[in-house]
C-alpha atoms as a PDB file:
ATOM      1  CA  MET A   1      93.990 113.268 106.200  1.00  0.00           C
ATOM      2  CA  MET A   2      95.068 113.544 102.592  1.00  0.00           C
ATOM      3  CA  GLU A   3      98.200 111.573 101.708  1.00  0.00           C
ATOM      4  CA  TYR A   4      99.878 110.990  98.373  1.00  0.00           C
ATOM      5  CA  LYS A   5     103.325 109.617  97.459  1.00  0.00           C
ATOM      6  CA  GLY A   6     104.472 109.894 101.074  1.00  0.00           C
ATOM      7  CA  TYR A   7     103.344 113.508 101.465  1.00  0.00           C
ATOM      8  CA  SER A   8     100.529 114.746 103.705  1.00  0.00           C
ATOM      9  CA  ALA A   9      98.323 117.805 103.568  1.00  0.00           C
ATOM     10  CA  GLY A  10      98.653 120.338 106.363  1.00  0.00           C
ATOM     11  CA  PRO A  11      95.684 122.139 107.889  1.00  0.00           C
ATOM     12  CA  ILE A  12      93.030 123.142 105.380  1.00  0.00           C
ATOM     13  CA  GLN A  13      91.796 126.736 105.393  1.00  0.00           C
ATOM     14  CA  PHE A  14      88.459 128.011 104.074  1.00  0.00           C
ATOM     15  CA  ASN A  15      88.134 131.395 102.378  1.00  0.00           C
ATOM     16  CA  PRO A  16      84.444 132.389 102.559  1.00  0.00           C
ATOM     17  CA  GLU A  17      84.950 135.373 100.227  1.00  0.00           C
ATOM     18  CA  GLU A  18      86.185 133.159  97.401  1.00  0.00           C
ATOM     19  CA  ASN A  19      84.364 130.017  98.569  1.00  0.00           C
ATOM     20  CA  THR A  20      87.571 127.972  98.304  1.00  0.00           C
ATOM     21  CA  PHE A  21      89.545 125.580 100.441  1.00  0.00           C
ATOM     22  CA  SER A  22      93.347 125.694 100.426  1.00  0.00           C
ATOM     23  CA  GLY A  23      96.330 124.191 102.148  1.00  0.00           C
ATOM     24  CA  THR A  24      99.998 123.391 101.917  1.00  0.00           C
ATOM     25  CA  VAL A  25     101.902 120.131 102.032  1.00  0.00           C
ATOM     26  CA  ALA A  26     102.951 119.482 105.638  1.00  0.00           C
ATOM     27  CA  GLY A  27     106.486 119.072 106.882  1.00  0.00           C
ATOM     28  CA  LEU A  28     108.399 120.593 103.961  1.00  0.00           C
ATOM     29  CA  ARG A  29     110.881 123.437 103.832  1.00  0.00           C
ATOM     30  CA  ASP A  30     109.537 124.160 100.344  1.00  0.00           C
ATOM     31  CA  VAL A  31     106.046 125.616 100.090  1.00  0.00           C
ATOM     32  CA  VAL A  32     103.680 123.482  98.021  1.00  0.00           C
ATOM     33  CA  HIS A  33     100.216 125.079  97.910  1.00  0.00           C
ATOM     34  CA  PHE A  34      96.920 123.700  96.597  1.00  0.00           C
ATOM     35  CA  GLU A  35      93.293 124.809  96.524  1.00  0.00           C
ATOM     36  CA  GLY A  36      89.842 123.828  95.314  1.00  0.00           C
ATOM     37  CA  SER A  37      86.164 124.718  95.616  1.00  0.00           C
ATOM     38  CA  THR A  38      85.037 121.190  96.525  1.00  0.00           C
ATOM     39  CA  ALA A  39      86.558 118.264  98.394  1.00  0.00           C
ATOM     40  CA  ARG A  40      87.118 116.472  95.090  1.00  0.00           C
ATOM     41  CA  GLU A  41      88.833 119.535  93.553  1.00  0.00           C
ATOM     42  CA  LEU A  42      90.945 120.011  96.679  1.00  0.00           C
ATOM     43  CA  ALA A  43      92.111 116.370  96.664  1.00  0.00           C
ATOM     44  CA  LYS A  44      92.974 116.552  92.954  1.00  0.00           C
ATOM     45  CA  ALA A  45      94.823 119.851  93.429  1.00  0.00           C
ATOM     46  CA  PHE A  46      96.765 118.274  96.316  1.00  0.00           C
ATOM     47  CA  ARG A  47      97.901 115.352  94.143  1.00  0.00           C
ATOM     48  CA  ASP A  48      98.599 117.602  91.145  1.00  0.00           C
ATOM     49  CA  SER A  49     100.679 120.010  93.247  1.00  0.00           C
ATOM     50  CA  ILE A  50     102.850 117.152  94.534  1.00  0.00           C
ATOM     51  CA  ASP A  51     103.306 115.775  91.015  1.00  0.00           C
ATOM     52  CA  ALA A  52     104.265 119.265  89.784  1.00  0.00           C
ATOM     53  CA  TYR A  53     106.689 119.725  92.684  1.00  0.00           C
ATOM     54  CA  LEU A  54     108.385 116.386  92.000  1.00  0.00           C
ATOM     55  CA  GLU A  55     108.573 117.164  88.274  1.00  0.00           C
ATOM     56  CA  PHE A  56     110.055 120.603  89.007  1.00  0.00           C
ATOM     57  CA  CYS A  57     112.719 119.034  91.234  1.00  0.00           C
ATOM     58  CA  THR A  58     113.600 116.451  88.578  1.00  0.00           C
ATOM     59  CA  GLU A  59     113.844 119.094  85.832  1.00  0.00           C
ATOM     60  CA  ASN A  60     116.131 121.226  88.002  1.00  0.00           C
ATOM     61  CA  GLY A  61     118.310 118.369  89.268  1.00  0.00           C
ATOM     62  CA  GLN A  62     117.184 118.883  92.863  1.00  0.00           C
ATOM     63  CA  SER A  63     116.294 116.256  95.407  1.00  0.00           C
ATOM     64  CA  PRO A  64     112.714 116.827  96.545  1.00  0.00           C
ATOM     65  CA  ASP A  65     112.262 117.623 100.202  1.00  0.00           C
ATOM     66  CA  ARG A  66     110.732 114.760 102.150  1.00  0.00           C
ATOM     67  CA  PRO A  67     108.592 115.435 105.197  1.00  0.00           C
ATOM     68  CA  PHE A  68     109.916 112.548 107.301  1.00  0.00           C
ATOM     69  CA  ASN A  69     112.776 110.112 106.895  1.00  0.00           C
ATOM     70  CA  GLY A  70     111.896 107.677 109.678  1.00  0.00           C
ATOM     71  CA  LYS A  71     114.649 108.832 112.020  1.00  0.00           C
ATOM     72  CA  ILE A  72     113.770 110.389 115.362  1.00  0.00           C
ATOM     73  CA  LEU A  73     116.429 112.005 117.525  1.00  0.00           C
ATOM     74  CA  LEU A  74     115.219 111.650 121.069  1.00  0.00           C
ATOM     75  CA  ARG A  75     116.789 113.160 124.165  1.00  0.00           C
ATOM     76  CA  THR A  76     115.632 112.075 127.591  1.00  0.00           C
ATOM     77  CA  GLU A  77     116.881 111.610 131.119  1.00  0.00           C
ATOM     78  CA  PRO A  78     119.399 108.766 131.597  1.00  0.00           C
ATOM     79  CA  ALA A  79     117.073 106.977 134.012  1.00  0.00           C
ATOM     80  CA  LEU A  80     114.229 106.983 131.479  1.00  0.00           C
ATOM     81  CA  HIS A  81     116.606 105.842 128.724  1.00  0.00           C
ATOM     82  CA  ARG A  82     117.680 102.935 130.927  1.00  0.00           C
ATOM     83  CA  LYS A  83     114.080 102.039 131.806  1.00  0.00           C
ATOM     84  CA  ALA A  84     113.058 101.982 128.117  1.00  0.00           C
ATOM     85  CA  ALA A  85     116.123  99.932 127.141  1.00  0.00           C
ATOM     86  CA  MET A  86     115.420  97.421 129.911  1.00  0.00           C
ATOM     87  CA  ARG A  87     111.759  97.078 128.873  1.00  0.00           C
ATOM     88  CA  ALA A  88     112.790  96.609 125.246  1.00  0.00           C
ATOM     89  CA  ALA A  89     115.330  93.934 126.175  1.00  0.00           C
ATOM     90  CA  ALA A  90     112.776  92.150 128.345  1.00  0.00           C
ATOM     91  CA  GLU A  91     110.446  91.992 125.340  1.00  0.00           C
ATOM     92  CA  GLY A  92     113.237  90.820 123.024  1.00  0.00           C
ATOM     93  CA  LEU A  93     113.180  94.047 120.999  1.00  0.00           C
ATOM     94  CA  SER A  94     115.706  96.682 120.089  1.00  0.00           C
ATOM     95  CA  LEU A  95     115.103 100.056 121.661  1.00  0.00           C
ATOM     96  CA  SER A  96     114.022 101.438 118.264  1.00  0.00           C
ATOM     97  CA  GLN A  97     111.544  98.582 117.778  1.00  0.00           C
ATOM     98  CA  TRP A  98     110.163  99.069 121.289  1.00  0.00           C
ATOM     99  CA  ILE A  99     109.723 102.849 120.833  1.00  0.00           C
ATOM    100  CA  THR A 100     108.065 102.277 117.452  1.00  0.00           C
ATOM    101  CA  ARG A 101     105.621  99.853 119.083  1.00  0.00           C
ATOM    102  CA  GLN A 102     104.855 102.419 121.805  1.00  0.00           C
ATOM    103  CA  ILE A 103     104.139 105.078 119.186  1.00  0.00           C
ATOM    104  CA  GLU A 104     101.947 102.700 117.146  1.00  0.00           C
ATOM    105  CA  THR A 105      99.821 101.842 120.177  1.00  0.00           C
ATOM    106  CA  ALA A 106      99.606 105.392 121.550  1.00  0.00           C
ATOM    107  CA  GLN A 107      96.132 106.831 121.601  1.00  0.00           C
END
């Protein structure tokens, strides 16, 4: 997966007619597109498109969209909420720490 400055590339498409690869930056409301004919060109275009997007936002006094802020709103059944909270407490962790650990170890 391509990552740069906290941004990640979405799915990469191949256009056989033009012999190019292209994609967009994942998780944004804004559309940031990039393309290249080789893996090296594609990776450079990805980084350049993010730099251009950030520069554009700065020049226009806008806050750039960020794909993820680290907050997850989770809704579940009360019994499952209780079970997770009890497991977290038993391990000496906050519920957020416990859920983060579960996500990190998920396969």
